[in-house]
N, C-alpha and C. Protein backbone atom coordinates (compact mmCIF):
# COMPACT_ATOMS: atom_id res chain seq x y z
N UNK A 1 0.85 -1.17 0.00
CA UNK A 1 0.00 0.00 0.00
C UNK A 1 0.90 1.23 0.00
N UNK A 2 0.38 2.27 -0.64
CA UNK A 2 1.04 3.57 -0.57
C UNK A 2 0.08 4.52 0.12
N UNK A 3 0.55 5.15 1.18
CA UNK A 3 -0.23 6.17 1.88
C UNK A 3 0.29 7.53 1.47
N UNK A 4 -0.62 8.43 1.16
CA UNK A 4 -0.23 9.80 0.86
C UNK A 4 -1.12 10.77 1.63
N UNK A 5 -0.63 11.99 1.76
CA UNK A 5 -1.40 13.02 2.46
C UNK A 5 -2.21 13.89 1.51
N UNK A 6 -1.94 13.76 0.21
CA UNK A 6 -2.64 14.59 -0.77
C UNK A 6 -2.07 15.99 -0.88
N UNK A 7 -1.00 16.27 -0.15
CA UNK A 7 -0.43 17.62 -0.13
C UNK A 7 0.46 17.92 -1.34
N UNK A 8 0.92 16.89 -2.01
CA UNK A 8 1.85 17.09 -3.12
C UNK A 8 1.28 16.49 -4.40
N UNK A 9 1.01 17.34 -5.37
CA UNK A 9 0.49 16.85 -6.65
C UNK A 9 1.50 15.91 -7.31
N UNK A 10 2.78 16.20 -7.16
CA UNK A 10 3.81 15.35 -7.75
C UNK A 10 3.82 13.95 -7.15
N UNK A 11 3.66 13.86 -5.83
CA UNK A 11 3.62 12.55 -5.19
C UNK A 11 2.34 11.79 -5.51
N UNK A 12 1.25 12.50 -5.70
CA UNK A 12 0.00 11.85 -6.11
C UNK A 12 0.15 11.27 -7.52
N UNK A 13 0.79 12.03 -8.43
CA UNK A 13 1.04 11.52 -9.79
C UNK A 13 1.96 10.31 -9.75
N UNK A 14 2.99 10.40 -8.92
CA UNK A 14 3.92 9.27 -8.79
C UNK A 14 3.18 8.03 -8.30
N UNK A 15 2.30 8.20 -7.33
CA UNK A 15 1.52 7.08 -6.80
C UNK A 15 0.66 6.47 -7.91
N UNK A 16 -0.01 7.31 -8.68
CA UNK A 16 -0.82 6.82 -9.80
C UNK A 16 0.03 6.03 -10.78
N UNK A 17 1.22 6.53 -11.07
CA UNK A 17 2.12 5.86 -12.00
C UNK A 17 2.58 4.50 -11.44
N UNK A 18 2.91 4.46 -10.14
CA UNK A 18 3.33 3.21 -9.51
C UNK A 18 2.20 2.18 -9.50
N UNK A 19 0.99 2.64 -9.24
CA UNK A 19 -0.17 1.73 -9.26
C UNK A 19 -0.35 1.14 -10.65
N UNK A 20 -0.25 1.99 -11.68
CA UNK A 20 -0.40 1.52 -13.07
C UNK A 20 0.73 0.56 -13.44
N UNK A 21 1.95 0.88 -13.04
CA UNK A 21 3.08 0.01 -13.37
C UNK A 21 2.96 -1.32 -12.63
N UNK A 22 2.53 -1.27 -11.37
CA UNK A 22 2.32 -2.49 -10.62
C UNK A 22 1.24 -3.36 -11.25
N UNK A 23 0.15 -2.73 -11.68
CA UNK A 23 -0.95 -3.46 -12.33
C UNK A 23 -0.46 -4.15 -13.60
N UNK A 24 0.39 -3.48 -14.35
CA UNK A 24 0.94 -4.06 -15.57
C UNK A 24 1.77 -5.30 -15.27
N UNK A 25 2.27 -5.39 -14.03
CA UNK A 25 3.06 -6.55 -13.60
C UNK A 25 2.23 -7.54 -12.78
N UNK A 26 0.92 -7.32 -12.75
CA UNK A 26 0.04 -8.24 -12.05
C UNK A 26 -0.09 -8.01 -10.56
N UNK A 27 0.26 -6.83 -10.10
CA UNK A 27 0.23 -6.51 -8.68
C UNK A 27 -0.83 -5.46 -8.39
N UNK A 28 -1.62 -5.70 -7.36
CA UNK A 28 -2.61 -4.69 -6.93
C UNK A 28 -1.98 -3.87 -5.81
N UNK A 29 -1.73 -2.60 -6.07
CA UNK A 29 -1.20 -1.69 -5.06
C UNK A 29 -2.33 -0.78 -4.62
N UNK A 30 -2.62 -0.79 -3.34
CA UNK A 30 -3.68 0.05 -2.81
C UNK A 30 -3.12 1.43 -2.48
N UNK A 31 -3.93 2.46 -2.76
CA UNK A 31 -3.57 3.84 -2.44
C UNK A 31 -4.50 4.32 -1.34
N UNK A 32 -3.93 4.69 -0.22
CA UNK A 32 -4.72 5.23 0.88
C UNK A 32 -4.35 6.71 1.03
N UNK A 33 -5.25 7.57 0.60
CA UNK A 33 -5.04 9.02 0.71
C UNK A 33 -5.68 9.48 2.01
N UNK A 34 -4.86 9.99 2.90
CA UNK A 34 -5.33 10.48 4.19
C UNK A 34 -5.74 11.92 4.00
N UNK A 35 -7.03 12.17 4.09
CA UNK A 35 -7.58 13.44 3.63
C UNK A 35 -7.62 14.56 4.66
N UNK A 36 -7.45 14.24 5.93
CA UNK A 36 -7.49 15.31 6.93
C UNK A 36 -6.65 14.90 8.14
N UNK A 37 -6.32 15.86 9.01
CA UNK A 37 -5.46 15.56 10.16
C UNK A 37 -6.01 14.47 11.08
N UNK A 38 -7.31 14.44 11.26
CA UNK A 38 -7.92 13.42 12.11
C UNK A 38 -7.69 12.02 11.54
N UNK A 39 -7.91 11.87 10.25
CA UNK A 39 -7.67 10.58 9.61
C UNK A 39 -6.20 10.20 9.70
N UNK A 40 -5.31 11.17 9.47
CA UNK A 40 -3.88 10.90 9.55
C UNK A 40 -3.49 10.44 10.96
N UNK A 41 -4.04 11.07 11.96
CA UNK A 41 -3.74 10.69 13.35
C UNK A 41 -4.13 9.24 13.64
N UNK A 42 -5.21 8.79 13.08
CA UNK A 42 -5.71 7.46 13.39
C UNK A 42 -5.26 6.36 12.43
N UNK A 43 -4.90 6.72 11.20
CA UNK A 43 -4.63 5.68 10.20
C UNK A 43 -3.22 5.68 9.64
N UNK A 44 -2.50 6.79 9.81
CA UNK A 44 -1.17 6.88 9.20
C UNK A 44 -0.18 5.93 9.87
N UNK A 45 0.57 5.20 9.07
CA UNK A 45 1.62 4.34 9.59
C UNK A 45 2.78 5.22 10.07
N UNK A 46 3.01 6.30 9.38
CA UNK A 46 4.06 7.27 9.72
C UNK A 46 3.42 8.65 9.64
N UNK A 47 2.89 9.17 10.74
CA UNK A 47 2.04 10.38 10.72
C UNK A 47 2.62 11.62 10.04
N UNK A 48 3.93 11.81 10.09
CA UNK A 48 4.48 13.03 9.51
C UNK A 48 4.81 12.91 8.02
N UNK A 49 4.63 11.73 7.45
CA UNK A 49 5.03 11.51 6.06
C UNK A 49 3.94 11.92 5.08
N UNK A 50 4.37 12.52 3.97
CA UNK A 50 3.44 12.84 2.88
C UNK A 50 3.29 11.66 1.94
N UNK A 51 4.22 10.70 2.02
CA UNK A 51 4.25 9.54 1.11
C UNK A 51 4.93 8.40 1.85
N UNK A 52 4.23 7.30 2.05
CA UNK A 52 4.80 6.14 2.73
C UNK A 52 4.49 4.88 1.95
N UNK A 53 5.48 4.01 1.86
CA UNK A 53 5.30 2.69 1.27
C UNK A 53 5.15 1.73 2.44
N UNK A 54 4.01 1.02 2.47
CA UNK A 54 3.65 0.20 3.63
C UNK A 54 3.37 -1.23 3.17
N UNK A 55 3.92 -2.18 3.92
CA UNK A 55 3.63 -3.59 3.66
C UNK A 55 3.45 -4.29 5.00
N UNK A 56 2.35 -4.99 5.15
CA UNK A 56 2.04 -5.72 6.38
C UNK A 56 2.11 -4.82 7.61
N UNK A 57 1.64 -3.58 7.46
CA UNK A 57 1.57 -2.65 8.58
C UNK A 57 2.86 -1.97 8.95
N UNK A 58 3.93 -2.22 8.21
CA UNK A 58 5.24 -1.61 8.49
C UNK A 58 5.63 -0.66 7.37
N UNK A 59 6.13 0.50 7.75
CA UNK A 59 6.60 1.46 6.76
C UNK A 59 7.96 1.02 6.24
N UNK A 60 8.05 0.83 4.94
CA UNK A 60 9.29 0.40 4.31
C UNK A 60 10.15 1.58 3.89
N UNK A 61 9.53 2.72 3.68
CA UNK A 61 10.26 3.90 3.24
C UNK A 61 9.29 4.93 2.71
N UNK A 62 9.85 5.93 2.08
CA UNK A 62 9.02 7.01 1.57
C UNK A 62 9.47 7.46 0.20
N UNK A 63 9.31 8.73 -0.05
CA UNK A 63 9.58 9.30 -1.37
C UNK A 63 11.03 9.15 -1.79
N UNK A 64 11.91 8.89 -0.82
CA UNK A 64 13.33 8.73 -1.16
C UNK A 64 13.60 7.42 -1.89
N UNK A 65 12.67 6.47 -1.82
CA UNK A 65 12.86 5.17 -2.48
C UNK A 65 12.68 5.30 -3.99
N UNK A 66 13.58 4.71 -4.76
CA UNK A 66 13.38 4.68 -6.21
C UNK A 66 12.15 3.83 -6.56
N UNK A 67 11.51 4.16 -7.65
CA UNK A 67 10.30 3.43 -8.07
C UNK A 67 10.54 1.92 -8.15
N UNK A 68 11.67 1.52 -8.70
CA UNK A 68 11.95 0.09 -8.87
C UNK A 68 12.03 -0.59 -7.49
N UNK A 69 12.57 0.10 -6.49
CA UNK A 69 12.65 -0.47 -5.13
C UNK A 69 11.26 -0.56 -4.50
N UNK A 70 10.42 0.43 -4.76
CA UNK A 70 9.04 0.39 -4.24
C UNK A 70 8.30 -0.80 -4.83
N UNK A 71 8.37 -0.96 -6.12
CA UNK A 71 7.68 -2.07 -6.79
C UNK A 71 8.19 -3.42 -6.29
N UNK A 72 9.49 -3.53 -6.11
CA UNK A 72 10.06 -4.78 -5.62
C UNK A 72 9.60 -5.05 -4.18
N UNK A 73 9.59 -4.01 -3.34
CA UNK A 73 9.18 -4.16 -1.95
C UNK A 73 7.72 -4.57 -1.83
N UNK A 74 6.90 -4.14 -2.78
CA UNK A 74 5.48 -4.47 -2.75
C UNK A 74 5.16 -5.75 -3.51
N UNK A 75 6.19 -6.43 -3.99
CA UNK A 75 6.00 -7.76 -4.55
C UNK A 75 6.00 -7.87 -6.06
N UNK A 76 6.27 -6.79 -6.77
CA UNK A 76 6.27 -6.85 -8.24
C UNK A 76 7.51 -7.56 -8.73
N UNK A 77 7.33 -8.30 -9.79
CA UNK A 77 8.47 -8.96 -10.44
C UNK A 77 8.70 -8.27 -11.78
N UNK A 78 9.96 -8.16 -12.12
CA UNK A 78 10.34 -7.50 -13.37
C UNK A 78 9.88 -8.27 -14.57
């Protein structure tokens, strides 16, 4: 899953691109957009992050991860 805060149009586009690329590889990547501070407080795996890559409830990283590493971490095969 990728969690975003919706604060960055660039990160939202990147998320859309990763979801499409994952789908092309047979992987379903869920996008959880946290729309307000209350939701972020209760649902964010990493509350201060605008972009988090999450698997099995653990944050694997954020926007610093290259796309290929995100796809690999979420189970996509080349």
